[in-house]
Amino acid sequence: MIEAVADHLEGAPRQLRRRWSDEFKAQVVTEALEPGASVSAIARRIGIHPSQLFAWRRDARAEQHCRSRHSSCASVVASVAGAVIEIAIGEMIVRAGVAVDEAQLQRVIRAVRSA
């Protein structure tokens, strides 16, 4: 029979998540995009996991792509509390209730993209 002891189950103390400024991320991503730069070495130097820096690079490239072709990029965020769907298209935001007709929403999105 195995006995569970509470302090053995709790594990290591929780650490607070670090928040990096957009300026810091941009600086690190710029460095990581230089020809011959080692993402792993840069990540190790600043104290993050390489996968985090790869994600920052991917996000920066996607954002750059959206800026160059803003009409084709839309992000969808669902808010459960207010039962509202928000769709950001460039500088415009379309808000619709979750019960909205799909065909009507498509027409509105097309109209906003062509504006």
N, C-alpha and C. Protein backbone atom coordinates (compact mmCIF):
# COMPACT_ATOMS: atom_id res chain seq x y z
N MET A 1 0.84 -1.18 0.00
CA MET A 1 0.00 0.00 0.00
C MET A 1 0.88 1.24 0.00
N ILE A 2 0.49 2.23 -0.82
CA ILE A 2 1.25 3.47 -0.94
C ILE A 2 0.47 4.57 -0.23
N GLU A 3 1.17 5.31 0.60
CA GLU A 3 0.55 6.43 1.29
C GLU A 3 0.95 7.73 0.61
N ALA A 4 0.00 8.59 0.42
CA ALA A 4 0.28 9.89 -0.18
C ALA A 4 0.49 10.91 0.91
N VAL A 5 1.58 11.64 0.81
CA VAL A 5 1.89 12.69 1.77
C VAL A 5 1.73 14.02 1.04
N ALA A 6 0.96 14.93 1.60
CA ALA A 6 0.57 16.16 0.91
C ALA A 6 1.75 16.97 0.40
N ASP A 7 2.81 17.16 1.23
CA ASP A 7 3.89 18.02 0.77
C ASP A 7 4.71 17.39 -0.36
N HIS A 8 4.59 16.08 -0.57
CA HIS A 8 5.28 15.45 -1.68
C HIS A 8 4.50 15.62 -2.98
N LEU A 9 3.21 15.89 -2.89
CA LEU A 9 2.38 16.01 -4.08
C LEU A 9 2.34 17.43 -4.63
N GLU A 10 2.67 18.40 -3.80
CA GLU A 10 2.55 19.79 -4.24
C GLU A 10 3.62 20.20 -5.26
N GLY A 11 4.77 19.59 -5.21
CA GLY A 11 5.80 19.90 -6.19
C GLY A 11 6.48 21.22 -5.94
N ALA A 12 7.15 21.70 -6.96
CA ALA A 12 7.92 22.94 -6.85
C ALA A 12 6.99 24.13 -6.74
N PRO A 13 7.46 25.19 -6.10
CA PRO A 13 6.62 26.38 -5.99
C PRO A 13 6.36 26.98 -7.36
N ARG A 14 5.19 27.56 -7.51
CA ARG A 14 4.82 28.15 -8.80
C ARG A 14 5.64 29.41 -9.04
N GLN A 15 6.04 29.59 -10.29
CA GLN A 15 6.74 30.81 -10.67
C GLN A 15 5.78 31.70 -11.44
N LEU A 16 5.95 32.99 -11.29
CA LEU A 16 5.13 33.92 -12.03
C LEU A 16 5.57 33.94 -13.49
N ARG A 17 4.63 34.12 -14.38
CA ARG A 17 4.96 34.20 -15.80
C ARG A 17 5.63 35.53 -16.08
N ARG A 18 6.67 35.47 -16.88
CA ARG A 18 7.35 36.69 -17.26
C ARG A 18 6.61 37.33 -18.42
N ARG A 19 6.58 38.63 -18.44
CA ARG A 19 5.95 39.37 -19.53
C ARG A 19 7.05 40.15 -20.24
N TRP A 20 7.15 39.96 -21.52
CA TRP A 20 8.16 40.65 -22.31
C TRP A 20 7.48 41.78 -23.07
N SER A 21 8.13 42.94 -23.12
CA SER A 21 7.56 44.07 -23.85
C SER A 21 7.63 43.78 -25.35
N ASP A 22 6.74 44.42 -26.10
CA ASP A 22 6.75 44.28 -27.55
C ASP A 22 8.06 44.77 -28.15
N GLU A 23 8.63 45.83 -27.55
CA GLU A 23 9.89 46.37 -28.05
C GLU A 23 11.02 45.35 -27.86
N PHE A 24 11.05 44.69 -26.70
CA PHE A 24 12.07 43.68 -26.44
C PHE A 24 11.93 42.52 -27.41
N LYS A 25 10.70 42.05 -27.61
CA LYS A 25 10.46 40.94 -28.54
C LYS A 25 10.92 41.32 -29.94
N ALA A 26 10.59 42.53 -30.38
CA ALA A 26 10.97 42.98 -31.72
C ALA A 26 12.48 43.01 -31.88
N GLN A 27 13.17 43.47 -30.85
CA GLN A 27 14.63 43.54 -30.89
C GLN A 27 15.23 42.14 -30.99
N VAL A 28 14.73 41.21 -30.19
CA VAL A 28 15.24 39.84 -30.19
C VAL A 28 14.91 39.14 -31.50
N VAL A 29 13.71 39.35 -32.01
CA VAL A 29 13.31 38.73 -33.28
C VAL A 29 14.18 39.26 -34.42
N THR A 30 14.43 40.56 -34.42
CA THR A 30 15.30 41.15 -35.45
C THR A 30 16.67 40.49 -35.41
N GLU A 31 17.21 40.31 -34.21
CA GLU A 31 18.51 39.64 -34.06
C GLU A 31 18.44 38.20 -34.56
N ALA A 32 17.35 37.51 -34.25
CA ALA A 32 17.21 36.10 -34.64
C ALA A 32 17.01 35.93 -36.14
N LEU A 33 16.54 36.97 -36.82
CA LEU A 33 16.33 36.89 -38.26
C LEU A 33 17.58 37.22 -39.08
N GLU A 34 18.63 37.67 -38.41
CA GLU A 34 19.88 37.98 -39.11
C GLU A 34 20.45 36.69 -39.71
N PRO A 35 21.04 36.79 -40.91
CA PRO A 35 21.64 35.60 -41.53
C PRO A 35 22.72 35.01 -40.64
N GLY A 36 22.64 33.70 -40.43
CA GLY A 36 23.63 32.99 -39.62
C GLY A 36 23.38 33.04 -38.13
N ALA A 37 22.31 33.71 -37.70
CA ALA A 37 22.01 33.81 -36.26
C ALA A 37 21.51 32.47 -35.75
N SER A 38 21.90 32.13 -34.53
CA SER A 38 21.46 30.89 -33.89
C SER A 38 20.33 31.21 -32.91
N VAL A 39 19.14 30.75 -33.24
CA VAL A 39 17.97 31.00 -32.38
C VAL A 39 18.21 30.39 -30.99
N SER A 40 18.77 29.20 -30.96
CA SER A 40 19.01 28.54 -29.68
C SER A 40 19.99 29.33 -28.82
N ALA A 41 21.06 29.84 -29.42
CA ALA A 41 22.05 30.61 -28.66
C ALA A 41 21.44 31.91 -28.14
N ILE A 42 20.65 32.58 -28.97
CA ILE A 42 20.01 33.83 -28.55
C ILE A 42 19.03 33.56 -27.41
N ALA A 43 18.23 32.49 -27.56
CA ALA A 43 17.26 32.14 -26.52
C ALA A 43 17.96 31.80 -25.21
N ARG A 44 19.04 31.06 -25.30
CA ARG A 44 19.79 30.69 -24.09
C ARG A 44 20.34 31.94 -23.42
N ARG A 45 20.85 32.87 -24.21
CA ARG A 45 21.45 34.08 -23.66
C ARG A 45 20.43 34.92 -22.89
N ILE A 46 19.18 35.01 -23.40
CA ILE A 46 18.19 35.83 -22.70
C ILE A 46 17.34 35.04 -21.70
N GLY A 47 17.55 33.73 -21.65
CA GLY A 47 16.89 32.92 -20.62
C GLY A 47 15.51 32.43 -20.96
N ILE A 48 15.26 32.16 -22.25
CA ILE A 48 13.97 31.59 -22.63
C ILE A 48 14.22 30.30 -23.40
N HIS A 49 13.17 29.52 -23.59
CA HIS A 49 13.27 28.28 -24.36
C HIS A 49 13.28 28.65 -25.85
N PRO A 50 14.08 27.97 -26.65
CA PRO A 50 14.12 28.28 -28.09
C PRO A 50 12.76 28.26 -28.77
N SER A 51 11.86 27.38 -28.33
CA SER A 51 10.54 27.32 -28.96
C SER A 51 9.78 28.63 -28.77
N GLN A 52 10.04 29.34 -27.65
CA GLN A 52 9.39 30.63 -27.43
C GLN A 52 9.86 31.64 -28.46
N LEU A 53 11.17 31.65 -28.73
CA LEU A 53 11.71 32.58 -29.72
C LEU A 53 11.23 32.23 -31.13
N PHE A 54 11.16 30.94 -31.43
CA PHE A 54 10.60 30.53 -32.72
C PHE A 54 9.16 31.01 -32.86
N ALA A 55 8.38 30.95 -31.78
CA ALA A 55 6.98 31.43 -31.82
C ALA A 55 6.94 32.93 -32.03
N TRP A 56 7.83 33.68 -31.37
CA TRP A 56 7.88 35.13 -31.57
C TRP A 56 8.21 35.45 -33.02
N ARG A 57 9.15 34.70 -33.61
CA ARG A 57 9.51 34.92 -35.02
C ARG A 57 8.33 34.63 -35.93
N ARG A 58 7.64 33.51 -35.67
CA ARG A 58 6.47 33.14 -36.48
C ARG A 58 5.40 34.22 -36.39
N ASP A 59 5.14 34.71 -35.17
CA ASP A 59 4.12 35.75 -34.98
C ASP A 59 4.51 37.04 -35.69
N ALA A 60 5.80 37.40 -35.64
CA ALA A 60 6.26 38.62 -36.29
C ALA A 60 6.11 38.51 -37.80
N ARG A 61 6.43 37.35 -38.35
CA ARG A 61 6.27 37.15 -39.79
C ARG A 61 4.80 37.21 -40.19
N ALA A 62 3.93 36.61 -39.40
CA ALA A 62 2.50 36.62 -39.69
C ALA A 62 1.95 38.05 -39.62
N GLU A 63 2.40 38.80 -38.63
CA GLU A 63 1.95 40.19 -38.48
C GLU A 63 2.43 41.03 -39.66
N GLN A 64 3.68 40.79 -40.07
CA GLN A 64 4.21 41.52 -41.22
C GLN A 64 3.42 41.17 -42.48
N HIS A 65 3.07 39.90 -42.62
CA HIS A 65 2.29 39.46 -43.77
C HIS A 65 0.91 40.13 -43.75
N CYS A 66 0.30 40.22 -42.58
CA CYS A 66 -1.02 40.85 -42.47
C CYS A 66 -0.96 42.33 -42.80
N ARG A 67 0.13 42.99 -42.42
CA ARG A 67 0.25 44.41 -42.73
C ARG A 67 0.38 44.63 -44.23
N SER A 68 1.07 43.70 -44.90
CA SER A 68 1.25 43.87 -46.33
C SER A 68 0.00 43.49 -47.11
N ARG A 69 -0.84 42.60 -46.55
CA ARG A 69 -2.07 42.17 -47.21
C ARG A 69 -3.22 42.21 -46.21
N HIS A 70 -3.42 43.36 -45.56
CA HIS A 70 -4.37 43.46 -44.44
C HIS A 70 -5.77 43.00 -44.78
N SER A 71 -6.20 43.11 -46.02
CA SER A 71 -7.59 42.75 -46.33
C SER A 71 -7.83 41.25 -46.24
N SER A 72 -6.76 40.44 -46.33
CA SER A 72 -6.98 38.99 -46.30
C SER A 72 -6.80 38.41 -44.90
N CYS A 73 -6.41 39.23 -43.95
CA CYS A 73 -6.13 38.73 -42.60
C CYS A 73 -7.26 39.11 -41.66
N ALA A 74 -7.78 38.14 -40.99
CA ALA A 74 -8.82 38.39 -39.99
C ALA A 74 -8.56 37.50 -38.80
N SER A 75 -8.74 38.05 -37.62
CA SER A 75 -8.59 37.22 -36.43
C SER A 75 -9.95 37.13 -35.75
N VAL A 76 -10.26 35.96 -35.24
CA VAL A 76 -11.56 35.75 -34.64
C VAL A 76 -11.36 35.49 -33.15
N VAL A 77 -12.10 36.22 -32.33
CA VAL A 77 -12.04 36.05 -30.89
C VAL A 77 -13.46 35.88 -30.39
N ALA A 78 -13.73 34.80 -29.70
CA ALA A 78 -15.07 34.57 -29.18
C ALA A 78 -15.11 34.95 -27.71
N SER A 79 -16.10 35.69 -27.32
CA SER A 79 -16.29 36.08 -25.93
C SER A 79 -17.51 35.34 -25.42
N VAL A 80 -17.29 34.36 -24.57
CA VAL A 80 -18.38 33.53 -24.08
C VAL A 80 -19.28 34.31 -23.13
N ALA A 81 -18.68 35.16 -22.31
CA ALA A 81 -19.47 35.87 -21.31
C ALA A 81 -20.53 36.75 -21.97
N GLY A 82 -20.17 37.46 -23.04
CA GLY A 82 -21.12 38.34 -23.69
C GLY A 82 -21.80 37.68 -24.88
N ALA A 83 -21.47 36.43 -25.17
CA ALA A 83 -22.02 35.70 -26.31
C ALA A 83 -21.88 36.52 -27.58
N VAL A 84 -20.66 37.05 -27.80
CA VAL A 84 -20.36 37.89 -28.95
C VAL A 84 -19.12 37.35 -29.64
N ILE A 85 -19.15 37.39 -30.97
CA ILE A 85 -17.98 37.03 -31.76
C ILE A 85 -17.41 38.33 -32.30
N GLU A 86 -16.09 38.53 -32.13
CA GLU A 86 -15.43 39.71 -32.65
C GLU A 86 -14.50 39.29 -33.77
N ILE A 87 -14.58 39.96 -34.90
CA ILE A 87 -13.72 39.67 -36.03
C ILE A 87 -13.00 40.96 -36.38
N ALA A 88 -11.66 40.95 -36.24
CA ALA A 88 -10.85 42.12 -36.56
C ALA A 88 -10.33 41.97 -37.98
N ILE A 89 -10.67 42.94 -38.81
CA ILE A 89 -10.21 42.95 -40.20
C ILE A 89 -9.50 44.28 -40.40
N GLY A 90 -8.18 44.23 -40.44
CA GLY A 90 -7.40 45.47 -40.51
C GLY A 90 -7.70 46.32 -39.30
N GLU A 91 -8.16 47.54 -39.54
CA GLU A 91 -8.49 48.47 -38.45
C GLU A 91 -9.94 48.35 -37.99
N MET A 92 -10.74 47.56 -38.68
CA MET A 92 -12.16 47.46 -38.37
C MET A 92 -12.46 46.23 -37.53
N ILE A 93 -13.45 46.34 -36.67
CA ILE A 93 -13.90 45.21 -35.85
C ILE A 93 -15.38 45.00 -36.11
N VAL A 94 -15.73 43.76 -36.43
CA VAL A 94 -17.13 43.38 -36.64
C VAL A 94 -17.54 42.56 -35.42
N ARG A 95 -18.61 42.96 -34.76
CA ARG A 95 -19.12 42.22 -33.61
C ARG A 95 -20.49 41.65 -33.97
N ALA A 96 -20.66 40.38 -33.65
CA ALA A 96 -21.94 39.73 -33.97
C ALA A 96 -22.31 38.80 -32.83
N GLY A 97 -23.59 38.70 -32.56
CA GLY A 97 -24.07 37.73 -31.58
C GLY A 97 -23.85 36.32 -32.10
N VAL A 98 -23.71 35.37 -31.22
CA VAL A 98 -23.44 34.01 -31.64
C VAL A 98 -24.61 33.39 -32.41
N ALA A 99 -25.77 33.98 -32.31
CA ALA A 99 -26.94 33.44 -33.01
C ALA A 99 -27.11 34.03 -34.41
N VAL A 100 -26.14 34.86 -34.87
CA VAL A 100 -26.27 35.50 -36.17
C VAL A 100 -26.23 34.45 -37.28
N ASP A 101 -26.97 34.71 -38.34
CA ASP A 101 -27.02 33.83 -39.50
C ASP A 101 -25.65 33.85 -40.19
N GLU A 102 -25.11 32.68 -40.49
CA GLU A 102 -23.78 32.56 -41.08
C GLU A 102 -23.69 33.29 -42.42
N ALA A 103 -24.70 33.15 -43.26
CA ALA A 103 -24.69 33.80 -44.58
C ALA A 103 -24.66 35.31 -44.43
N GLN A 104 -25.42 35.84 -43.48
CA GLN A 104 -25.43 37.29 -43.25
C GLN A 104 -24.07 37.77 -42.77
N LEU A 105 -23.45 37.01 -41.87
CA LEU A 105 -22.13 37.37 -41.36
C LEU A 105 -21.10 37.36 -42.48
N GLN A 106 -21.18 36.39 -43.38
CA GLN A 106 -20.26 36.34 -44.52
C GLN A 106 -20.41 37.57 -45.41
N ARG A 107 -21.65 38.00 -45.63
CA ARG A 107 -21.90 39.20 -46.44
C ARG A 107 -21.30 40.44 -45.79
N VAL A 108 -21.44 40.55 -44.48
CA VAL A 108 -20.90 41.69 -43.77
C VAL A 108 -19.36 41.69 -43.84
N ILE A 109 -18.75 40.52 -43.66
CA ILE A 109 -17.29 40.42 -43.73
C ILE A 109 -16.79 40.81 -45.11
N ARG A 110 -17.45 40.31 -46.16
CA ARG A 110 -17.05 40.66 -47.53
C ARG A 110 -17.16 42.17 -47.75
N ALA A 111 -18.22 42.79 -47.23
CA ALA A 111 -18.42 44.23 -47.39
C ALA A 111 -17.32 45.01 -46.67
N VAL A 112 -16.95 44.56 -45.48
CA VAL A 112 -15.91 45.25 -44.72
C VAL A 112 -14.56 45.10 -45.42
N ARG A 113 -14.26 43.91 -45.92
CA ARG A 113 -12.99 43.69 -46.62
C ARG A 113 -12.87 44.54 -47.88
N SER A 114 -13.97 44.76 -48.59
CA SER A 114 -13.91 45.53 -49.83
C SER A 114 -13.91 47.03 -49.58
N ALA A 115 -14.23 47.44 -48.36
CA ALA A 115 -14.27 48.89 -48.03
C ALA A 115 -12.89 49.49 -47.93
